[in-house]
């Protein structure tokens, strides 16, 4: 993230910034206006995807 209006990327998870509502769209289609909370949501989702891939025997 280079500016506060950029999408948040963690691993393979990207939370796009929604300019009209001034927030990030989360994987469950909620709008998060707090950048720190959006970052934590992206980190948790990335960890969840890693664990899911490992349990299915896939490479991440």
PDB file of N, CA and C in Angstrom:
ATOM      1  N   UNK A   1       0.838  -1.165   0.000  1.00  0.00           N
ATOM      2  CA  UNK A   1       0.000   0.000   0.000  1.00  0.00           C
ATOM      3  C   UNK A   1       0.890   1.237   0.000  1.00  0.00           C
ATOM      4  N   UNK A   2       0.817   1.994  -1.061  1.00  0.00           N
ATOM      5  CA  UNK A   2       1.634   3.202  -1.151  1.00  0.00           C
ATOM      6  C   UNK A   2       0.863   4.438  -0.734  1.00  0.00           C
ATOM      7  N   UNK A   3      -0.436   4.441  -0.953  1.00  0.00           N
ATOM      8  CA  UNK A   3      -1.265   5.551  -0.479  1.00  0.00           C
ATOM      9  C   UNK A   3      -2.438   4.957   0.297  1.00  0.00           C
ATOM     10  N   UNK A   4      -3.150   5.781   1.014  1.00  0.00           N
ATOM     11  CA  UNK A   4      -4.243   5.271   1.836  1.00  0.00           C
ATOM     12  C   UNK A   4      -5.419   4.803   0.996  1.00  0.00           C
ATOM     13  N   UNK A   5      -5.415   5.097  -0.292  1.00  0.00           N
ATOM     14  CA  UNK A   5      -6.520   4.708  -1.160  1.00  0.00           C
ATOM     15  C   UNK A   5      -6.207   3.476  -2.006  1.00  0.00           C
ATOM     16  N   UNK A   6      -5.098   2.810  -1.742  1.00  0.00           N
ATOM     17  CA  UNK A   6      -4.730   1.610  -2.483  1.00  0.00           C
ATOM     18  C   UNK A   6      -5.430   0.386  -1.906  1.00  0.00           C
ATOM     19  N   UNK A   7      -5.493  -0.642  -2.727  1.00  0.00           N
ATOM     20  CA  UNK A   7      -5.998  -1.921  -2.251  1.00  0.00           C
ATOM     21  C   UNK A   7      -4.988  -2.500  -1.273  1.00  0.00           C
ATOM     22  N   UNK A   8      -5.466  -3.324  -0.355  1.00  0.00           N
ATOM     23  CA  UNK A   8      -4.598  -3.973   0.626  1.00  0.00           C
ATOM     24  C   UNK A   8      -4.311  -5.377   0.133  1.00  0.00           C
ATOM     25  N   UNK A   9      -3.017  -5.725   0.047  1.00  0.00           N
ATOM     26  CA  UNK A   9      -2.615  -7.051  -0.423  1.00  0.00           C
ATOM     27  C   UNK A   9      -1.793  -7.750   0.646  1.00  0.00           C
ATOM     28  N   UNK A  10      -2.204  -8.983   0.965  1.00  0.00           N
ATOM     29  CA  UNK A  10      -1.467  -9.832   1.909  1.00  0.00           C
ATOM     30  C   UNK A  10      -1.427 -11.225   1.291  1.00  0.00           C
ATOM     31  N   UNK A  11      -0.240 -11.679   0.922  1.00  0.00           N
ATOM     32  CA  UNK A  11      -0.144 -12.987   0.282  1.00  0.00           C
ATOM     33  C   UNK A  11      -0.957 -13.000  -0.998  1.00  0.00           C
ATOM     34  N   UNK A  12      -1.931 -13.904  -1.050  1.00  0.00           N
ATOM     35  CA  UNK A  12      -2.805 -13.988  -2.227  1.00  0.00           C
ATOM     36  C   UNK A  12      -4.141 -13.299  -2.029  1.00  0.00           C
ATOM     37  N   UNK A  13      -4.304 -12.622  -0.939  1.00  0.00           N
ATOM     38  CA  UNK A  13      -5.564 -11.941  -0.628  1.00  0.00           C
ATOM     39  C   UNK A  13      -5.424 -10.458  -0.967  1.00  0.00           C
ATOM     40  N   UNK A  14      -6.413  -9.939  -1.687  1.00  0.00           N
ATOM     41  CA  UNK A  14      -6.458  -8.515  -2.016  1.00  0.00           C
ATOM     42  C   UNK A  14      -7.810  -7.964  -1.605  1.00  0.00           C
ATOM     43  N   UNK A  15      -7.778  -6.919  -0.802  1.00  0.00           N
ATOM     44  CA  UNK A  15      -9.006  -6.215  -0.443  1.00  0.00           C
ATOM     45  C   UNK A  15      -9.034  -4.922  -1.259  1.00  0.00           C
ATOM     46  N   UNK A  16      -9.931  -4.827  -2.241  1.00  0.00           N
ATOM     47  CA  UNK A  16      -9.970  -3.623  -3.077  1.00  0.00           C
ATOM     48  C   UNK A  16     -10.557  -2.433  -2.331  1.00  0.00           C
ATOM     49  N   UNK A  17     -10.051  -1.262  -2.656  1.00  0.00           N
ATOM     50  CA  UNK A  17     -10.568  -0.030  -2.062  1.00  0.00           C
ATOM     51  C   UNK A  17     -11.759   0.435  -2.877  1.00  0.00           C
ATOM     52  N   UNK A  18     -12.857   0.769  -2.208  1.00  0.00           N
ATOM     53  CA  UNK A  18     -14.083   1.216  -2.851  1.00  0.00           C
ATOM     54  C   UNK A  18     -14.177   2.729  -2.658  1.00  0.00           C
ATOM     55  N   UNK A  19     -13.899   3.488  -3.724  1.00  0.00           N
ATOM     56  CA  UNK A  19     -13.797   4.942  -3.625  1.00  0.00           C
ATOM     57  C   UNK A  19     -15.113   5.613  -3.228  1.00  0.00           C
ATOM     58  N   UNK A  20     -16.230   5.128  -3.758  1.00  0.00           N
ATOM     59  CA  UNK A  20     -17.504   5.782  -3.478  1.00  0.00           C
ATOM     60  C   UNK A  20     -17.883   5.707  -2.004  1.00  0.00           C
ATOM     61  N   UNK A  21     -17.545   4.601  -1.354  1.00  0.00           N
ATOM     62  CA  UNK A  21     -17.887   4.424   0.061  1.00  0.00           C
ATOM     63  C   UNK A  21     -16.700   4.660   0.999  1.00  0.00           C
ATOM     64  N   UNK A  22     -15.520   4.891   0.414  1.00  0.00           N
ATOM     65  CA  UNK A  22     -14.301   5.178   1.178  1.00  0.00           C
ATOM     66  C   UNK A  22     -13.952   4.080   2.168  1.00  0.00           C
ATOM     67  N   UNK A  23     -13.791   2.866   1.652  1.00  0.00           N
ATOM     68  CA  UNK A  23     -13.419   1.741   2.498  1.00  0.00           C
ATOM     69  C   UNK A  23     -13.000   0.545   1.656  1.00  0.00           C
ATOM     70  N   UNK A  24     -12.627  -0.538   2.325  1.00  0.00           N
ATOM     71  CA  UNK A  24     -12.161  -1.746   1.667  1.00  0.00           C
ATOM     72  C   UNK A  24     -13.248  -2.813   1.716  1.00  0.00           C
ATOM     73  N   UNK A  25     -13.398  -3.543   0.631  1.00  0.00           N
ATOM     74  CA  UNK A  25     -14.378  -4.616   0.559  1.00  0.00           C
ATOM     75  C   UNK A  25     -13.713  -5.885   1.093  1.00  0.00           C
ATOM     76  N   UNK A  26     -14.322  -6.497   2.110  1.00  0.00           N
ATOM     77  CA  UNK A  26     -13.780  -7.713   2.716  1.00  0.00           C
ATOM     78  C   UNK A  26     -14.298  -8.940   1.970  1.00  0.00           C
ATOM     79  N   UNK A  27     -13.711 -10.125   2.197  1.00  0.00           N
ATOM     80  CA  UNK A  27     -14.152 -11.336   1.503  1.00  0.00           C
ATOM     81  C   UNK A  27     -15.622 -11.686   1.746  1.00  0.00           C
ATOM     82  N   UNK A  28     -16.187 -11.266   2.859  1.00  0.00           N
ATOM     83  CA  UNK A  28     -17.605 -11.544   3.111  1.00  0.00           C
ATOM     84  C   UNK A  28     -18.492 -10.361   2.687  1.00  0.00           C
ATOM     85  N   UNK A  29     -17.982  -9.527   1.775  1.00  0.00           N
ATOM     86  CA  UNK A  29     -18.705  -8.398   1.168  1.00  0.00           C
ATOM     87  C   UNK A  29     -19.141  -7.320   2.161  1.00  0.00           C
ATOM     88  N   UNK A  30     -18.390  -7.156   3.226  1.00  0.00           N
ATOM     89  CA  UNK A  30     -18.626  -6.036   4.139  1.00  0.00           C
ATOM     90  C   UNK A  30     -17.685  -4.909   3.749  1.00  0.00           C
ATOM     91  N   UNK A  31     -18.013  -3.725   4.184  1.00  0.00           N
ATOM     92  CA  UNK A  31     -17.173  -2.562   3.945  1.00  0.00           C
ATOM     93  C   UNK A  31     -16.456  -2.214   5.243  1.00  0.00           C
ATOM     94  N   UNK A  32     -15.128  -2.167   5.200  1.00  0.00           N
ATOM     95  CA  UNK A  32     -14.334  -1.815   6.385  1.00  0.00           C
ATOM     96  C   UNK A  32     -13.647  -0.489   6.103  1.00  0.00           C
ATOM     97  N   UNK A  33     -13.948   0.516   6.916  1.00  0.00           N
ATOM     98  CA  UNK A  33     -13.383   1.846   6.712  1.00  0.00           C
ATOM     99  C   UNK A  33     -12.068   2.056   7.459  1.00  0.00           C
ATOM    100  N   UNK A  34     -11.778   1.211   8.420  1.00  0.00           N
ATOM    101  CA  UNK A  34     -10.548   1.324   9.195  1.00  0.00           C
ATOM    102  C   UNK A  34      -9.453   0.505   8.502  1.00  0.00           C
ATOM    103  N   UNK A  35      -8.371   1.166   8.102  1.00  0.00           N
ATOM    104  CA  UNK A  35      -7.294   0.503   7.366  1.00  0.00           C
ATOM    105  C   UNK A  35      -6.621  -0.588   8.193  1.00  0.00           C
ATOM    106  N   UNK A  36      -6.478  -0.369   9.499  1.00  0.00           N
ATOM    107  CA  UNK A  36      -5.834  -1.370  10.347  1.00  0.00           C
ATOM    108  C   UNK A  36      -6.688  -2.629  10.473  1.00  0.00           C
ATOM    109  N   UNK A  37      -7.986  -2.435  10.622  1.00  0.00           N
ATOM    110  CA  UNK A  37      -8.888  -3.586  10.695  1.00  0.00           C
ATOM    111  C   UNK A  37      -8.922  -4.335   9.371  1.00  0.00           C
ATOM    112  N   UNK A  38      -8.915  -3.604   8.266  1.00  0.00           N
ATOM    113  CA  UNK A  38      -8.901  -4.235   6.949  1.00  0.00           C
ATOM    114  C   UNK A  38      -7.624  -5.056   6.760  1.00  0.00           C
ATOM    115  N   UNK A  39      -6.499  -4.539   7.230  1.00  0.00           N
ATOM    116  CA  UNK A  39      -5.227  -5.266   7.148  1.00  0.00           C
ATOM    117  C   UNK A  39      -5.302  -6.555   7.960  1.00  0.00           C
ATOM    118  N   UNK A  40      -5.854  -6.490   9.163  1.00  0.00           N
ATOM    119  CA  UNK A  40      -5.991  -7.693   9.995  1.00  0.00           C
ATOM    120  C   UNK A  40      -6.917  -8.713   9.354  1.00  0.00           C
ATOM    121  N   UNK A  41      -7.992  -8.260   8.744  1.00  0.00           N
ATOM    122  CA  UNK A  41      -8.909  -9.164   8.055  1.00  0.00           C
ATOM    123  C   UNK A  41      -8.189  -9.863   6.906  1.00  0.00           C
ATOM    124  N   UNK A  42      -7.389  -9.125   6.148  1.00  0.00           N
ATOM    125  CA  UNK A  42      -6.638  -9.708   5.033  1.00  0.00           C
ATOM    126  C   UNK A  42      -5.618 -10.727   5.539  1.00  0.00           C
ATOM    127  N   UNK A  43      -4.937 -10.430   6.653  1.00  0.00           N
ATOM    128  CA  UNK A  43      -3.963 -11.360   7.217  1.00  0.00           C
ATOM    129  C   UNK A  43      -4.643 -12.646   7.689  1.00  0.00           C
ATOM    130  N   UNK A  44      -5.784 -12.519   8.346  1.00  0.00           N
ATOM    131  CA  UNK A  44      -6.513 -13.705   8.823  1.00  0.00           C
ATOM    132  C   UNK A  44      -7.006 -14.549   7.659  1.00  0.00           C
ATOM    133  N   UNK A  45      -7.494 -13.906   6.623  1.00  0.00           N
ATOM    134  CA  UNK A  45      -7.974 -14.635   5.447  1.00  0.00           C
ATOM    135  C   UNK A  45      -6.822 -15.351   4.744  1.00  0.00           C
ATOM    136  N   UNK A  46      -5.676 -14.714   4.681  1.00  0.00           N
ATOM    137  CA  UNK A  46      -4.502 -15.342   4.074  1.00  0.00           C
ATOM    138  C   UNK A  46      -4.076 -16.578   4.873  1.00  0.00           C
ATOM    139  N   UNK A  47      -4.073 -16.477   6.198  1.00  0.00           N
ATOM    140  CA  UNK A  47      -3.732 -17.638   7.043  1.00  0.00           C
ATOM    141  C   UNK A  47      -4.749 -18.756   6.867  1.00  0.00           C
ATOM    142  N   UNK A  48      -6.025 -18.396   6.770  1.00  0.00           N
ATOM    143  CA  UNK A  48      -7.075 -19.397   6.575  1.00  0.00           C
ATOM    144  C   UNK A  48      -6.873 -20.134   5.250  1.00  0.00           C
ATOM    145  N   UNK A  49      -6.510 -19.400   4.205  1.00  0.00           N
ATOM    146  CA  UNK A  49      -6.266 -20.021   2.911  1.00  0.00           C
ATOM    147  C   UNK A  49      -5.045 -20.928   2.940  1.00  0.00           C
ATOM    148  N   UNK A  50      -4.002 -20.525   3.662  1.00  0.00           N
ATOM    149  CA  UNK A  50      -2.810 -21.370   3.799  1.00  0.00           C
ATOM    150  C   UNK A  50      -3.148 -22.684   4.494  1.00  0.00           C
ATOM    151  N   UNK A  51      -3.914 -22.599   5.590  1.00  0.00           N
ATOM    152  CA  UNK A  51      -4.297 -23.813   6.327  1.00  0.00           C
ATOM    153  C   UNK A  51      -5.198 -24.709   5.487  1.00  0.00           C
ATOM    154  N   UNK A  52      -6.100 -24.123   4.741  1.00  0.00           N
ATOM    155  CA  UNK A  52      -6.985 -24.901   3.876  1.00  0.00           C
ATOM    156  C   UNK A  52      -6.193 -25.613   2.786  1.00  0.00           C
ATOM    157  N   UNK A  53      -5.255 -24.925   2.171  1.00  0.00           N
ATOM    158  CA  UNK A  53      -4.422 -25.533   1.134  1.00  0.00           C
ATOM    159  C   UNK A  53      -3.583 -26.664   1.715  1.00  0.00           C
ATOM    160  N   UNK A  54      -3.053 -26.467   2.924  1.00  0.00           N
ATOM    161  CA  UNK A  54      -2.236 -27.511   3.558  1.00  0.00           C
ATOM    162  C   UNK A  54      -3.083 -28.724   3.893  1.00  0.00           C
ATOM    163  N   UNK A  55      -4.300 -28.508   4.354  1.00  0.00           N
ATOM    164  CA  UNK A  55      -5.150 -29.648   4.725  1.00  0.00           C
ATOM    165  C   UNK A  55      -5.606 -30.431   3.487  1.00  0.00           C
ATOM    166  N   UNK A  56      -5.668 -29.765   2.343  1.00  0.00           N
ATOM    167  CA  UNK A  56      -6.056 -30.441   1.095  1.00  0.00           C
ATOM    168  C   UNK A  56      -4.839 -30.986   0.342  1.00  0.00           C
ATOM    169  N   UNK A  57      -3.654 -30.727   0.874  1.00  0.00           N
ATOM    170  CA  UNK A  57      -2.421 -31.219   0.238  1.00  0.00           C
ATOM    171  C   UNK A  57      -2.029 -30.431  -0.995  1.00  0.00           C
ATOM    172  N   UNK A  58      -2.471 -29.198  -1.081  1.00  0.00           N
ATOM    173  CA  UNK A  58      -2.129 -28.348  -2.217  1.00  0.00           C
ATOM    174  C   UNK A  58      -0.978 -27.421  -1.852  1.00  0.00           C
ATOM    175  N   UNK A  59      -0.241 -26.999  -2.875  1.00  0.00           N
ATOM    176  CA  UNK A  59       0.827 -26.038  -2.601  1.00  0.00           C
ATOM    177  C   UNK A  59       0.242 -24.643  -2.644  1.00  0.00           C
ATOM    178  N   UNK A  60       0.735 -23.790  -1.776  1.00  0.00           N
ATOM    179  CA  UNK A  60       0.204 -22.436  -1.690  1.00  0.00           C
ATOM    180  C   UNK A  60       1.158 -21.466  -2.245  1.00  0.00           C
TER     181      UNK A  60
END
